[in-house]
Amino acid sequence: MIGHKGDIEARYSINKGRLPPDMIKDMRRCYSECQPFLTTATQPLEHSSIVKQTKIEALKSLAKACLE
């Protein structure tokens, strides 16, 4: 509604298309913090993480074979 101050629309429309640099910087910071939750691409795993997971799976397989 017209005349209301402080709502989200006012924050971005009050400058008539020219956002202050500090607001742009804050928007970029907020987006980068949220990006892991917004992206659908998987992040590359580190080599040590892959090796660790492989060893865990091998041990699980050996334990299962020993118990059967």
N, C-alpha and C. Protein backbone atom coordinates (compact mmCIF):
# COMPACT_ATOMS: atom_id res chain seq x y z
N MET A 1 0.83 -1.18 0.00
CA MET A 1 0.00 0.00 0.00
C MET A 1 0.88 1.24 0.00
N ILE A 2 0.37 2.26 -0.57
CA ILE A 2 1.11 3.51 -0.65
C ILE A 2 1.18 4.15 0.74
N GLY A 3 2.34 4.68 1.06
CA GLY A 3 2.50 5.35 2.34
C GLY A 3 3.12 4.50 3.42
N HIS A 4 3.21 3.21 3.22
CA HIS A 4 3.83 2.36 4.22
C HIS A 4 5.34 2.40 4.05
N LYS A 5 6.02 2.48 5.16
CA LYS A 5 7.49 2.53 5.12
C LYS A 5 8.05 1.25 5.73
N GLY A 6 9.20 0.85 5.24
CA GLY A 6 9.90 -0.25 5.84
C GLY A 6 9.57 -1.63 5.31
N ASP A 7 8.62 -1.76 4.41
CA ASP A 7 8.35 -3.10 3.89
C ASP A 7 9.39 -3.45 2.83
N ILE A 8 9.39 -4.70 2.41
CA ILE A 8 10.43 -5.19 1.50
C ILE A 8 10.38 -4.48 0.15
N GLU A 9 9.18 -4.13 -0.30
CA GLU A 9 9.06 -3.43 -1.57
C GLU A 9 9.72 -2.06 -1.50
N ALA A 10 9.53 -1.37 -0.39
CA ALA A 10 10.13 -0.04 -0.24
C ALA A 10 11.65 -0.12 -0.26
N ARG A 11 12.18 -1.16 0.30
CA ARG A 11 13.64 -1.29 0.37
C ARG A 11 14.27 -1.28 -1.02
N TYR A 12 13.62 -1.92 -1.98
CA TYR A 12 14.21 -2.05 -3.31
C TYR A 12 13.65 -1.06 -4.33
N SER A 13 12.52 -0.43 -4.05
CA SER A 13 11.93 0.46 -5.04
C SER A 13 12.11 1.94 -4.70
N ILE A 14 12.55 2.26 -3.52
CA ILE A 14 12.64 3.65 -3.11
C ILE A 14 13.71 4.42 -3.89
N ASN A 15 14.70 3.73 -4.41
CA ASN A 15 15.79 4.39 -5.13
C ASN A 15 15.54 4.48 -6.63
N LYS A 16 14.39 4.07 -7.07
CA LYS A 16 14.00 4.17 -8.49
C LYS A 16 15.02 3.58 -9.44
N GLY A 17 15.42 2.33 -9.16
CA GLY A 17 16.31 1.62 -10.06
C GLY A 17 17.79 1.79 -9.78
N ARG A 18 18.14 2.56 -8.77
CA ARG A 18 19.55 2.75 -8.43
C ARG A 18 19.76 2.32 -6.99
N LEU A 19 20.25 1.14 -6.82
CA LEU A 19 20.52 0.64 -5.47
C LEU A 19 21.87 1.17 -5.00
N PRO A 20 21.96 1.55 -3.74
CA PRO A 20 23.25 2.01 -3.21
C PRO A 20 24.26 0.86 -3.19
N PRO A 21 25.54 1.19 -3.35
CA PRO A 21 26.57 0.14 -3.38
C PRO A 21 26.58 -0.74 -2.14
N ASP A 22 26.32 -0.17 -0.96
CA ASP A 22 26.33 -0.99 0.25
C ASP A 22 25.18 -1.98 0.26
N MET A 23 24.04 -1.62 -0.35
CA MET A 23 22.91 -2.54 -0.43
C MET A 23 23.22 -3.67 -1.41
N ILE A 24 23.87 -3.34 -2.51
CA ILE A 24 24.26 -4.37 -3.49
C ILE A 24 25.25 -5.34 -2.86
N LYS A 25 26.20 -4.79 -2.10
CA LYS A 25 27.19 -5.63 -1.42
C LYS A 25 26.50 -6.57 -0.44
N ASP A 26 25.53 -6.06 0.31
CA ASP A 26 24.79 -6.87 1.27
C ASP A 26 23.96 -7.94 0.56
N MET A 27 23.34 -7.59 -0.57
CA MET A 27 22.55 -8.55 -1.33
C MET A 27 23.44 -9.69 -1.84
N ARG A 28 24.63 -9.34 -2.32
CA ARG A 28 25.56 -10.36 -2.82
C ARG A 28 26.03 -11.27 -1.70
N ARG A 29 26.30 -10.69 -0.53
CA ARG A 29 26.73 -11.48 0.62
C ARG A 29 25.62 -12.45 1.04
N CYS A 30 24.40 -11.95 1.12
CA CYS A 30 23.27 -12.81 1.50
C CYS A 30 23.06 -13.93 0.48
N TYR A 31 23.17 -13.60 -0.80
CA TYR A 31 22.99 -14.62 -1.83
C TYR A 31 24.08 -15.69 -1.73
N SER A 32 25.32 -15.26 -1.52
CA SER A 32 26.41 -16.25 -1.45
C SER A 32 26.24 -17.17 -0.25
N GLU A 33 25.66 -16.67 0.85
CA GLU A 33 25.41 -17.52 2.01
C GLU A 33 24.30 -18.53 1.72
N CYS A 34 23.34 -18.16 0.88
CA CYS A 34 22.21 -19.04 0.57
C CYS A 34 22.48 -19.96 -0.62
N GLN A 35 23.48 -19.65 -1.41
CA GLN A 35 23.73 -20.38 -2.65
C GLN A 35 23.84 -21.90 -2.48
N PRO A 36 24.48 -22.42 -1.44
CA PRO A 36 24.53 -23.89 -1.31
C PRO A 36 23.14 -24.53 -1.23
N PHE A 37 22.16 -23.79 -0.74
CA PHE A 37 20.81 -24.32 -0.62
C PHE A 37 20.00 -24.10 -1.89
N LEU A 38 20.46 -23.21 -2.76
CA LEU A 38 19.72 -22.87 -3.97
C LEU A 38 20.20 -23.62 -5.20
N THR A 39 21.45 -24.03 -5.21
CA THR A 39 22.02 -24.67 -6.38
C THR A 39 21.61 -26.14 -6.47
N THR A 40 21.47 -26.63 -7.68
CA THR A 40 21.12 -28.03 -7.88
C THR A 40 22.32 -28.86 -8.30
N ALA A 41 23.43 -28.21 -8.64
CA ALA A 41 24.64 -28.93 -9.03
C ALA A 41 25.35 -29.41 -7.78
N THR A 42 25.91 -30.61 -7.87
CA THR A 42 26.64 -31.14 -6.73
C THR A 42 28.03 -30.52 -6.68
N GLN A 43 28.53 -30.35 -5.49
CA GLN A 43 29.86 -29.81 -5.30
C GLN A 43 30.87 -30.95 -5.43
N PRO A 44 32.04 -30.69 -6.03
CA PRO A 44 33.04 -31.75 -6.18
C PRO A 44 33.56 -32.21 -4.82
N LEU A 45 33.71 -33.51 -4.68
CA LEU A 45 34.24 -34.07 -3.44
C LEU A 45 35.75 -34.03 -3.46
N GLU A 46 36.32 -33.84 -2.31
CA GLU A 46 37.77 -33.90 -2.21
C GLU A 46 38.21 -35.35 -2.32
N HIS A 47 39.41 -35.56 -2.81
CA HIS A 47 39.94 -36.91 -3.01
C HIS A 47 39.95 -37.69 -1.70
N SER A 48 40.36 -37.06 -0.61
CA SER A 48 40.43 -37.76 0.67
C SER A 48 39.04 -38.20 1.14
N SER A 49 38.03 -37.42 0.83
CA SER A 49 36.67 -37.78 1.20
C SER A 49 36.20 -39.01 0.42
N ILE A 50 36.56 -39.08 -0.85
CA ILE A 50 36.19 -40.23 -1.68
C ILE A 50 36.89 -41.49 -1.17
N VAL A 51 38.18 -41.37 -0.86
CA VAL A 51 38.94 -42.51 -0.35
C VAL A 51 38.36 -42.99 0.97
N LYS A 52 38.05 -42.07 1.85
CA LYS A 52 37.48 -42.42 3.16
C LYS A 52 36.15 -43.16 2.99
N GLN A 53 35.29 -42.64 2.13
CA GLN A 53 33.99 -43.28 1.90
C GLN A 53 34.15 -44.67 1.30
N THR A 54 35.11 -44.83 0.40
CA THR A 54 35.37 -46.13 -0.21
C THR A 54 35.85 -47.14 0.83
N LYS A 55 36.72 -46.70 1.72
CA LYS A 55 37.20 -47.59 2.78
C LYS A 55 36.07 -48.01 3.71
N ILE A 56 35.20 -47.08 4.04
CA ILE A 56 34.06 -47.40 4.91
C ILE A 56 33.17 -48.44 4.26
N GLU A 57 32.89 -48.26 2.98
CA GLU A 57 32.04 -49.22 2.27
C GLU A 57 32.70 -50.59 2.19
N ALA A 58 34.01 -50.63 1.98
CA ALA A 58 34.73 -51.91 1.93
C ALA A 58 34.67 -52.62 3.28
N LEU A 59 34.85 -51.87 4.36
CA LEU A 59 34.77 -52.47 5.70
C LEU A 59 33.36 -52.99 6.00
N LYS A 60 32.36 -52.26 5.58
CA LYS A 60 30.97 -52.71 5.77
C LYS A 60 30.74 -54.02 5.02
N SER A 61 31.26 -54.08 3.81
CA SER A 61 31.10 -55.29 3.00
C SER A 61 31.81 -56.48 3.64
N LEU A 62 33.03 -56.27 4.15
CA LEU A 62 33.77 -57.34 4.83
C LEU A 62 33.05 -57.80 6.09
N ALA A 63 32.55 -56.86 6.86
CA ALA A 63 31.84 -57.20 8.10
C ALA A 63 30.59 -58.01 7.79
N LYS A 64 29.89 -57.62 6.76
CA LYS A 64 28.67 -58.34 6.37
C LYS A 64 29.02 -59.76 5.92
N ALA A 65 30.10 -59.91 5.15
CA ALA A 65 30.52 -61.23 4.68
C ALA A 65 30.95 -62.12 5.84
N CYS A 66 31.59 -61.56 6.85
CA CYS A 66 32.05 -62.34 8.00
C CYS A 66 30.87 -62.82 8.86
N LEU A 67 29.82 -62.04 8.90
CA LEU A 67 28.67 -62.38 9.73
C LEU A 67 27.73 -63.38 9.07
N GLU A 68 27.89 -63.59 7.79
CA GLU A 68 27.00 -64.51 7.07
C GLU A 68 27.49 -65.92 7.12
